[in-house]
Amino acid sequence: MRQPAIFFGHGSPMNALGGPYADAWRALGEAVGKPKGVVMISAHWETGGLGVTAQAKPETIHDFGGFPAELHAMQYPAPGSPSLAARVSELTGAIQTDQWGLDHGTWSVLAHVWPEADVPVVQLSLNRRLSTREHFELAKRLAPLRDEGIVIAGSGDFVHNLRTWKRSGGEPYEWASHFNEAVKAAFVRGDHDALIDWVNLAEDAQLSVPTDEHYLPLLYIAAQRGPGDDVSFFNDVIEGGSISMTGVRIG
């Protein structure tokens, strides 16, 4: 019954169409099996309070532009779960809403993890009024869900600097590699304070995290680690020099 907590480095929306990262996501889904549901915290839903999607049939949101028609046409018709939304609201105080759906931080990944779209999904927003420590403390309230058959998931990137991203690819910037490794090391040793105080986690941290919306979802996963929970990593690659695809599994 107890489910893992998983952070996905989602990178470009184009990963929804397949590739090596998608292969790893599919393998992860096969290893986890079918949970009762998923609570996803995506980098792409920021709000001035706390919200949770509560509709039975959430919309597939194409919150991007300039990509191929094939990607804009893609749908991920996973069901929502009003009952799970109500449980999340009970635990966190989140307002239940139908004013959002599944954004690309969610469906571009889950389309490979559970390609049959048969696992209910709700999204919990990033409340921009909270400090990093308050995000972490909020995340701990979700912990009971793992024992209720629910996967707690986050979607973002350890390192996410689009201004320095190299379209033609290439080796990671040194600062990006250092920060990526520092985050992994903090996860391994269970140093939650270091993850919360990310600005001091590594030299030039703010080059890796110029804005924190892609970083914050990983705090929701770090907060789920309990006694006996293993930590493992997947898709541990920095793409284009400054976008980390690294994922983390807790438990």
C-alpha atoms as a PDB file:
ATOM      1  CA  MET A   1       0.000   0.000   0.000  1.00  0.00           C
ATOM      2  CA  ARG A   2       2.767   2.486   0.889  1.00  0.00           C
ATOM      3  CA  GLN A   3       3.789   4.443  -2.190  1.00  0.00           C
ATOM      4  CA  PRO A   4       6.982   6.315  -3.073  1.00  0.00           C
ATOM      5  CA  ALA A   5       7.478  10.041  -3.444  1.00  0.00           C
ATOM      6  CA  ILE A   6       9.005  10.991  -6.784  1.00  0.00           C
ATOM      7  CA  PHE A   7      10.546  14.134  -8.242  1.00  0.00           C
ATOM      8  CA  PHE A   8      10.702  14.372 -12.029  1.00  0.00           C
ATOM      9  CA  GLY A   9      13.122  16.627 -13.886  1.00  0.00           C
ATOM     10  CA  HIS A  10      10.745  17.354 -16.754  1.00  0.00           C
ATOM     11  CA  GLY A  11      12.824  19.565 -19.044  1.00  0.00           C
ATOM     12  CA  SER A  12      11.325  20.464 -22.421  1.00  0.00           C
ATOM     13  CA  PRO A  13       7.664  19.735 -23.247  1.00  0.00           C
ATOM     14  CA  MET A  14       9.055  17.831 -26.251  1.00  0.00           C
ATOM     15  CA  ASN A  15       9.893  14.971 -23.890  1.00  0.00           C
ATOM     16  CA  ALA A  16       6.177  14.184 -23.984  1.00  0.00           C
ATOM     17  CA  LEU A  17       6.765  12.767 -27.464  1.00  0.00           C
ATOM     18  CA  GLY A  18       9.351  10.233 -26.297  1.00  0.00           C
ATOM     19  CA  GLY A  19      13.097   9.761 -25.998  1.00  0.00           C
ATOM     20  CA  PRO A  20      15.532   8.413 -23.400  1.00  0.00           C
ATOM     21  CA  TYR A  21      14.064  10.378 -20.495  1.00  0.00           C
ATOM     22  CA  ALA A  22      10.600   9.111 -21.357  1.00  0.00           C
ATOM     23  CA  ASP A  23      11.951   5.554 -21.454  1.00  0.00           C
ATOM     24  CA  ALA A  24      13.190   5.946 -17.886  1.00  0.00           C
ATOM     25  CA  TRP A  25       9.833   7.371 -16.787  1.00  0.00           C
ATOM     26  CA  ARG A  26       8.042   4.408 -18.321  1.00  0.00           C
ATOM     27  CA  ALA A  27      10.381   1.969 -16.529  1.00  0.00           C
ATOM     28  CA  LEU A  28       9.682   3.774 -13.279  1.00  0.00           C
ATOM     29  CA  GLY A  29       5.934   3.428 -13.775  1.00  0.00           C
ATOM     30  CA  GLU A  30       6.316  -0.278 -14.435  1.00  0.00           C
ATOM     31  CA  ALA A  31       8.340  -0.635 -11.233  1.00  0.00           C
ATOM     32  CA  VAL A  32       5.861   1.328  -9.099  1.00  0.00           C
ATOM     33  CA  GLY A  33       2.713  -0.268 -10.510  1.00  0.00           C
ATOM     34  CA  LYS A  34      -0.704   1.381 -10.313  1.00  0.00           C
ATOM     35  CA  PRO A  35      -1.265   3.536  -7.206  1.00  0.00           C
ATOM     36  CA  LYS A  36      -4.697   4.718  -6.116  1.00  0.00           C
ATOM     37  CA  GLY A  37      -3.822   8.214  -7.218  1.00  0.00           C
ATOM     38  CA  VAL A  38      -1.168  10.906  -7.625  1.00  0.00           C
ATOM     39  CA  VAL A  39      -0.786  14.321  -6.034  1.00  0.00           C
ATOM     40  CA  MET A  40       1.467  16.361  -8.308  1.00  0.00           C
ATOM     41  CA  ILE A  41       3.206  19.635  -7.479  1.00  0.00           C
ATOM     42  CA  SER A  42       4.272  21.190 -10.778  1.00  0.00           C
ATOM     43  CA  ALA A  43       6.554  24.158 -11.397  1.00  0.00           C
ATOM     44  CA  HIS A  44       3.909  25.499 -13.765  1.00  0.00           C
ATOM     45  CA  TRP A  45       1.037  26.238 -11.390  1.00  0.00           C
ATOM     46  CA  GLU A  46       1.843  29.204  -9.172  1.00  0.00           C
ATOM     47  CA  THR A  47      -0.900  30.874  -7.152  1.00  0.00           C
ATOM     48  CA  GLY A  48      -1.427  33.571  -4.552  1.00  0.00           C
ATOM     49  CA  GLY A  49      -2.829  31.012  -2.118  1.00  0.00           C
ATOM     50  CA  LEU A  50      -3.040  27.232  -2.094  1.00  0.00           C
ATOM     51  CA  GLY A  51      -5.224  25.389  -4.577  1.00  0.00           C
ATOM     52  CA  VAL A  52      -5.929  21.786  -5.511  1.00  0.00           C
ATOM     53  CA  THR A  53      -7.656  20.594  -8.683  1.00  0.00           C
ATOM     54  CA  ALA A  54     -10.977  18.987  -7.825  1.00  0.00           C
ATOM     55  CA  GLN A  55     -12.720  18.195 -11.105  1.00  0.00           C
ATOM     56  CA  ALA A  56     -13.490  14.647 -12.202  1.00  0.00           C
ATOM     57  CA  LYS A  57     -12.114  15.223 -15.712  1.00  0.00           C
ATOM     58  CA  PRO A  58      -9.194  17.685 -15.652  1.00  0.00           C
ATOM     59  CA  GLU A  59      -8.235  19.481 -18.850  1.00  0.00           C
ATOM     60  CA  THR A  60      -4.904  18.806 -20.563  1.00  0.00           C
ATOM     61  CA  ILE A  61      -3.335  22.289 -20.515  1.00  0.00           C
ATOM     62  CA  HIS A  62      -0.915  23.221 -23.298  1.00  0.00           C
ATOM     63  CA  ASP A  63       0.844  25.985 -21.397  1.00  0.00           C
ATOM     64  CA  PHE A  64       3.574  26.668 -23.968  1.00  0.00           C
ATOM     65  CA  GLY A  65       3.988  27.998 -27.488  1.00  0.00           C
ATOM     66  CA  GLY A  66       6.123  27.481 -30.550  1.00  0.00           C
ATOM     67  CA  PHE A  67       6.186  23.696 -30.477  1.00  0.00           C
ATOM     68  CA  PRO A  68       5.035  21.213 -33.152  1.00  0.00           C
ATOM     69  CA  ALA A  69       1.325  20.705 -33.798  1.00  0.00           C
ATOM     70  CA  GLU A  70       1.715  17.092 -32.687  1.00  0.00           C
ATOM     71  CA  LEU A  71       2.610  18.264 -29.176  1.00  0.00           C
ATOM     72  CA  HIS A  72      -0.185  20.848 -29.028  1.00  0.00           C
ATOM     73  CA  ALA A  73      -2.654  18.145 -30.049  1.00  0.00           C
ATOM     74  CA  MET A  74      -1.527  15.679 -27.408  1.00  0.00           C
ATOM     75  CA  GLN A  75      -4.062  14.824 -24.706  1.00  0.00           C
ATOM     76  CA  TYR A  76      -3.619  13.024 -21.399  1.00  0.00           C
ATOM     77  CA  PRO A  77      -7.154  12.136 -20.274  1.00  0.00           C
ATOM     78  CA  ALA A  78      -6.301  10.872 -16.808  1.00  0.00           C
ATOM     79  CA  PRO A  79      -9.243  11.191 -14.415  1.00  0.00           C
ATOM     80  CA  GLY A  80      -9.211  13.618 -11.553  1.00  0.00           C
ATOM     81  CA  SER A  81     -10.379  12.638  -8.090  1.00  0.00           C
ATOM     82  CA  PRO A  82     -12.732  14.891  -6.129  1.00  0.00           C
ATOM     83  CA  SER A  83     -12.304  12.606  -3.121  1.00  0.00           C
ATOM     84  CA  LEU A  84      -8.505  12.862  -3.231  1.00  0.00           C
ATOM     85  CA  ALA A  85      -8.772  16.632  -3.694  1.00  0.00           C
ATOM     86  CA  ALA A  86     -10.976  16.775  -0.603  1.00  0.00           C
ATOM     87  CA  ARG A  87      -8.395  14.724   1.346  1.00  0.00           C
ATOM     88  CA  VAL A  88      -5.576  17.049   0.236  1.00  0.00           C
ATOM     89  CA  SER A  89      -7.706  20.012   1.257  1.00  0.00           C
ATOM     90  CA  GLU A  90      -8.305  18.410   4.649  1.00  0.00           C
ATOM     91  CA  LEU A  91      -4.560  17.920   5.182  1.00  0.00           C
ATOM     92  CA  THR A  92      -3.322  21.252   3.839  1.00  0.00           C
ATOM     93  CA  GLY A  93      -6.183  23.743   3.787  1.00  0.00           C
ATOM     94  CA  ALA A  94      -5.967  24.015  -0.017  1.00  0.00           C
ATOM     95  CA  ILE A  95      -8.968  25.502  -1.808  1.00  0.00           C
ATOM     96  CA  GLN A  96     -10.600  23.021  -4.175  1.00  0.00           C
ATOM     97  CA  THR A  97     -10.917  24.467  -7.676  1.00  0.00           C
ATOM     98  CA  ASP A  98     -11.803  23.633 -11.273  1.00  0.00           C
ATOM     99  CA  GLN A  99      -9.842  26.632 -12.593  1.00  0.00           C
ATOM    100  CA  TRP A 100      -6.789  24.564 -13.541  1.00  0.00           C
ATOM    101  CA  GLY A 101      -6.129  21.134 -14.989  1.00  0.00           C
ATOM    102  CA  LEU A 102      -3.012  19.113 -15.793  1.00  0.00           C
ATOM    103  CA  ASP A 103      -0.232  21.376 -17.075  1.00  0.00           C
ATOM    104  CA  HIS A 104       2.750  20.153 -19.074  1.00  0.00           C
ATOM    105  CA  GLY A 105       4.869  19.706 -15.958  1.00  0.00           C
ATOM    106  CA  THR A 106       2.420  16.956 -15.080  1.00  0.00           C
ATOM    107  CA  TRP A 107       1.156  15.350 -18.271  1.00  0.00           C
ATOM    108  CA  SER A 108       4.382  15.404 -20.294  1.00  0.00           C
ATOM    109  CA  VAL A 109       5.846  13.092 -17.648  1.00  0.00           C
ATOM    110  CA  LEU A 110       2.849  11.015 -16.572  1.00  0.00           C
ATOM    111  CA  ALA A 111       1.965  10.230 -20.181  1.00  0.00           C
ATOM    112  CA  HIS A 112       4.950   7.875 -20.027  1.00  0.00           C
ATOM    113  CA  VAL A 113       4.773   6.781 -16.375  1.00  0.00           C
ATOM    114  CA  TRP A 114       1.145   5.644 -16.742  1.00  0.00           C
ATOM    115  CA  PRO A 115       0.494   5.754 -20.508  1.00  0.00           C
ATOM    116  CA  GLU A 116      -2.997   4.293 -20.184  1.00  0.00           C
ATOM    117  CA  ALA A 117      -4.047   7.454 -18.292  1.00  0.00           C
ATOM    118  CA  ASP A 118      -5.818   5.247 -15.768  1.00  0.00           C
ATOM    119  CA  VAL A 119      -4.375   6.646 -12.517  1.00  0.00           C
ATOM    120  CA  PRO A 120      -6.305   9.585 -10.984  1.00  0.00           C
ATOM    121  CA  VAL A 121      -4.276  12.798 -10.756  1.00  0.00           C
ATOM    122  CA  VAL A 122      -4.757  15.997  -8.797  1.00  0.00           C
ATOM    123  CA  GLN A 123      -2.426  18.989  -8.804  1.00  0.00           C
ATOM    124  CA  LEU A 124      -1.473  21.030  -5.749  1.00  0.00           C
ATOM    125  CA  SER A 125      -0.365  24.565  -6.540  1.00  0.00           C
ATOM    126  CA  LEU A 126       2.780  26.408  -5.484  1.00  0.00           C
ATOM    127  CA  ASN A 127       1.650  29.116  -3.080  1.00  0.00           C
ATOM    128  CA  ARG A 128       3.897  32.081  -3.866  1.00  0.00           C
ATOM    129  CA  ARG A 129       3.191  33.615  -0.476  1.00  0.00           C
ATOM    130  CA  LEU A 130       5.230  30.928   1.288  1.00  0.00           C
ATOM    131  CA  SER A 131       8.935  30.873   2.113  1.00  0.00           C
ATOM    132  CA  THR A 132      11.000  27.838   1.164  1.00  0.00           C
ATOM    133  CA  ARG A 133      10.795  26.548   4.733  1.00  0.00           C
ATOM    134  CA  GLU A 134       7.028  27.033   4.758  1.00  0.00           C
ATOM    135  CA  HIS A 135       6.784  25.017   1.528  1.00  0.00           C
ATOM    136  CA  PHE A 136       8.740  22.216   3.221  1.00  0.00           C
ATOM    137  CA  GLU A 137       6.549  22.296   6.346  1.00  0.00           C
ATOM    138  CA  LEU A 138       3.398  22.279   4.204  1.00  0.00           C
ATOM    139  CA  ALA A 139       4.722  19.302   2.271  1.00  0.00           C
ATOM    140  CA  LYS A 140       5.076  17.249   5.460  1.00  0.00           C
ATOM    141  CA  ARG A 141       1.301  17.405   5.895  1.00  0.00           C
ATOM    142  CA  LEU A 142       0.952  15.279   2.756  1.00  0.00           C
ATOM    143  CA  ALA A 143       2.914  12.372   4.268  1.00  0.00           C
ATOM    144  CA  PRO A 144      -0.127  10.290   5.377  1.00  0.00           C
ATOM    145  CA  LEU A 145      -1.182   9.948   1.744  1.00  0.00           C
ATOM    146  CA  ARG A 146       1.683   7.569   0.975  1.00  0.00           C
ATOM    147  CA  ASP A 147       0.145   5.014   3.344  1.00  0.00           C
ATOM    148  CA  GLU A 148      -3.225   5.531   1.645  1.00  0.00           C
ATOM    149  CA  GLY A 149      -1.920   4.345  -1.736  1.00  0.00           C
ATOM    150  CA  ILE A 150      -1.094   7.779  -3.150  1.00  0.00           C
ATOM    151  CA  VAL A 151       2.117   8.748  -4.940  1.00  0.00           C
ATOM    152  CA  ILE A 152       3.313  12.232  -4.018  1.00  0.00           C
ATOM    153  CA  ALA A 153       5.108  13.686  -7.035  1.00  0.00           C
ATOM    154  CA  GLY A 154       6.925  16.879  -7.932  1.00  0.00           C
ATOM    155  CA  SER A 155       7.888  18.151 -11.371  1.00  0.00           C
ATOM    156  CA  GLY A 156      10.528  20.775 -12.097  1.00  0.00           C
ATOM    157  CA  ASP A 157      14.310  20.817 -12.505  1.00  0.00           C
ATOM    158  CA  PHE A 158      17.200  21.016 -10.001  1.00  0.00           C
ATOM    159  CA  VAL A 159      18.960  23.336 -12.450  1.00  0.00           C
ATOM    160  CA  HIS A 160      16.828  25.490 -14.746  1.00  0.00           C
ATOM    161  CA  ASN A 161      18.528  28.403 -16.477  1.00  0.00           C
ATOM    162  CA  LEU A 162      16.981  28.963 -19.891  1.00  0.00           C
ATOM    163  CA  ARG A 163      19.101  32.056 -20.573  1.00  0.00           C
ATOM    164  CA  THR A 164      22.288  29.982 -20.603  1.00  0.00           C
ATOM    165  CA  TRP A 165      20.780  26.881 -22.245  1.00  0.00           C
ATOM    166  CA  LYS A 166      22.687  25.731 -25.321  1.00  0.00           C
ATOM    167  CA  ARG A 167      20.228  24.765 -28.049  1.00  0.00           C
ATOM    168  CA  SER A 168      22.873  22.709 -29.836  1.00  0.00           C
ATOM    169  CA  GLY A 169      23.689  20.759 -26.676  1.00  0.00           C
ATOM    170  CA  GLY A 170      27.138  20.440 -25.151  1.00  0.00           C
ATOM    171  CA  GLU A 171      28.770  19.785 -21.832  1.00  0.00           C
ATOM    172  CA  PRO A 172      27.193  21.034 -18.591  1.00  0.00           C
ATOM    173  CA  TYR A 173      28.415  24.302 -17.173  1.00  0.00           C
ATOM    174  CA  GLU A 174      30.634  23.694 -14.166  1.00  0.00           C
ATOM    175  CA  TRP A 175      28.290  25.599 -11.890  1.00  0.00           C
ATOM    176  CA  ALA A 176      25.329  23.526 -13.077  1.00  0.00           C
ATOM    177  CA  SER A 177      27.118  20.248 -12.368  1.00  0.00           C
ATOM    178  CA  HIS A 178      28.220  21.452  -8.943  1.00  0.00           C
ATOM    179  CA  PHE A 179      24.712  22.462  -7.938  1.00  0.00           C
ATOM    180  CA  ASN A 180      23.168  19.268  -9.307  1.00  0.00           C
ATOM    181  CA  GLU A 181      25.639  17.173  -7.305  1.00  0.00           C
ATOM    182  CA  ALA A 182      25.105  19.280  -4.185  1.00  0.00           C
ATOM    183  CA  VAL A 183      21.350  18.687  -4.337  1.00  0.00           C
ATOM    184  CA  LYS A 184      21.872  14.939  -4.773  1.00  0.00           C
ATOM    185  CA  ALA A 185      24.331  14.814  -1.864  1.00  0.00           C
ATOM    186  CA  ALA A 186      21.902  16.673   0.397  1.00  0.00           C
ATOM    187  CA  PHE A 187      19.168  14.170  -0.494  1.00  0.00           C
ATOM    188  CA  VAL A 188      21.447  11.222   0.256  1.00  0.00           C
ATOM    189  CA  ARG A 189      22.456  12.513   3.671  1.00  0.00           C
ATOM    190  CA  GLY A 190      18.931  13.716   4.490  1.00  0.00           C
ATOM    191  CA  ASP A 191      20.062  17.303   4.966  1.00  0.00           C
ATOM    192  CA  HIS A 192      16.734  19.043   4.612  1.00  0.00           C
ATOM    193  CA  ASP A 193      18.039  22.341   5.967  1.00  0.00           C
ATOM    194  CA  ALA A 194      20.582  22.475   3.133  1.00  0.00           C
ATOM    195  CA  LEU A 195      17.869  21.847   0.537  1.00  0.00           C
ATOM    196  CA  ILE A 196      15.649  24.528   2.065  1.00  0.00           C
ATOM    197  CA  ASP A 197      18.513  27.057   2.163  1.00  0.00           C
ATOM    198  CA  TRP A 198      19.393  26.347  -1.460  1.00  0.00           C
ATOM    199  CA  VAL A 199      21.056  29.724  -2.024  1.00  0.00           C
ATOM    200  CA  ASN A 200      23.928  28.546   0.181  1.00  0.00           C
ATOM    201  CA  LEU A 201      23.930  24.965  -1.059  1.00  0.00           C
ATOM    202  CA  ALA A 202      26.680  25.515  -3.641  1.00  0.00           C
ATOM    203  CA  GLU A 203      28.736  28.327  -5.144  1.00  0.00           C
ATOM    204  CA  ASP A 204      26.837  30.190  -7.871  1.00  0.00           C
ATOM    205  CA  ALA A 205      23.576  28.540  -6.798  1.00  0.00           C
ATOM    206  CA  GLN A 206      21.564  31.402  -8.223  1.00  0.00           C
ATOM    207  CA  LEU A 207      22.913  30.675 -11.706  1.00  0.00           C
ATOM    208  CA  SER A 208      21.308  27.243 -11.376  1.00  0.00           C
ATOM    209  CA  VAL A 209      18.109  28.620  -9.841  1.00  0.00           C
ATOM    210  CA  PRO A 210      17.546  32.120 -11.248  1.00  0.00           C
ATOM    211  CA  THR A 211      13.871  31.764 -10.293  1.00  0.00           C
ATOM    212  CA  ASP A 212      12.749  29.109  -7.849  1.00  0.00           C
ATOM    213  CA  GLU A 213       9.512  27.705  -9.313  1.00  0.00           C
ATOM    214  CA  HIS A 214      11.320  24.717 -10.856  1.00  0.00           C
ATOM    215  CA  TYR A 215      13.233  24.056  -7.643  1.00  0.00           C
ATOM    216  CA  LEU A 216      10.416  24.270  -5.095  1.00  0.00           C
ATOM    217  CA  PRO A 217       8.625  21.028  -6.102  1.00  0.00           C
ATOM    218  CA  LEU A 218      11.639  18.984  -4.994  1.00  0.00           C
ATOM    219  CA  LEU A 219      11.136  20.231  -1.414  1.00  0.00           C
ATOM    220  CA  TYR A 220       7.737  18.506  -1.445  1.00  0.00           C
ATOM    221  CA  ILE A 221       9.536  15.233  -2.184  1.00  0.00           C
ATOM    222  CA  ALA A 222      12.394  15.747   0.267  1.00  0.00           C
ATOM    223  CA  ALA A 223       9.812  16.313   3.005  1.00  0.00           C
ATOM    224  CA  GLN A 224       8.388  12.810   2.513  1.00  0.00           C
ATOM    225  CA  ARG A 225      11.524  10.918   3.505  1.00  0.00           C
ATOM    226  CA  GLY A 226      10.946   8.796   6.582  1.00  0.00           C
ATOM    227  CA  PRO A 227      12.948   6.202   8.504  1.00  0.00           C
ATOM    228  CA  GLY A 228      13.999   3.369   6.224  1.00  0.00           C
ATOM    229  CA  ASP A 229      13.211   5.219   2.995  1.00  0.00           C
ATOM    230  CA  ASP A 230      15.869   4.697   0.350  1.00  0.00           C
ATOM    231  CA  VAL A 231      16.872   7.481  -2.043  1.00  0.00           C
ATOM    232  CA  SER A 232      17.658   6.792  -5.697  1.00  0.00           C
ATOM    233  CA  PHE A 233      18.175   8.925  -8.797  1.00  0.00           C
ATOM    234  CA  PHE A 234      17.223   8.510 -12.454  1.00  0.00           C
ATOM    235  CA  ASN A 235      17.728  10.488 -15.686  1.00  0.00           C
ATOM    236  CA  ASP A 236      20.783  12.068 -14.061  1.00  0.00           C
ATOM    237  CA  VAL A 237      21.705  14.244 -17.039  1.00  0.00           C
ATOM    238  CA  ILE A 238      22.184  17.989 -17.536  1.00  0.00           C
ATOM    239  CA  GLU A 239      20.845  18.928 -20.947  1.00  0.00           C
ATOM    240  CA  GLY A 240      22.034  21.901 -22.982  1.00  0.00           C
ATOM    241  CA  GLY A 241      24.474  22.869 -20.275  1.00  0.00           C
ATOM    242  CA  SER A 242      21.936  24.213 -17.810  1.00  0.00           C
ATOM    243  CA  ILE A 243      18.745  22.112 -17.563  1.00  0.00           C
ATOM    244  CA  SER A 244      18.908  19.206 -15.124  1.00  0.00           C
ATOM    245  CA  MET A 245      16.785  16.173 -15.935  1.00  0.00           C
ATOM    246  CA  THR A 246      17.678  14.451 -12.669  1.00  0.00           C
ATOM    247  CA  GLY A 247      14.821  12.673 -10.918  1.00  0.00           C
ATOM    248  CA  VAL A 248      14.614  11.422  -7.342  1.00  0.00           C
ATOM    249  CA  ARG A 249      12.700   8.516  -5.858  1.00  0.00           C
ATOM    250  CA  ILE A 250      12.057   8.344  -2.105  1.00  0.00           C
ATOM    251  CA  GLY A 251      11.005   4.899  -0.909  1.00  0.00           C
END
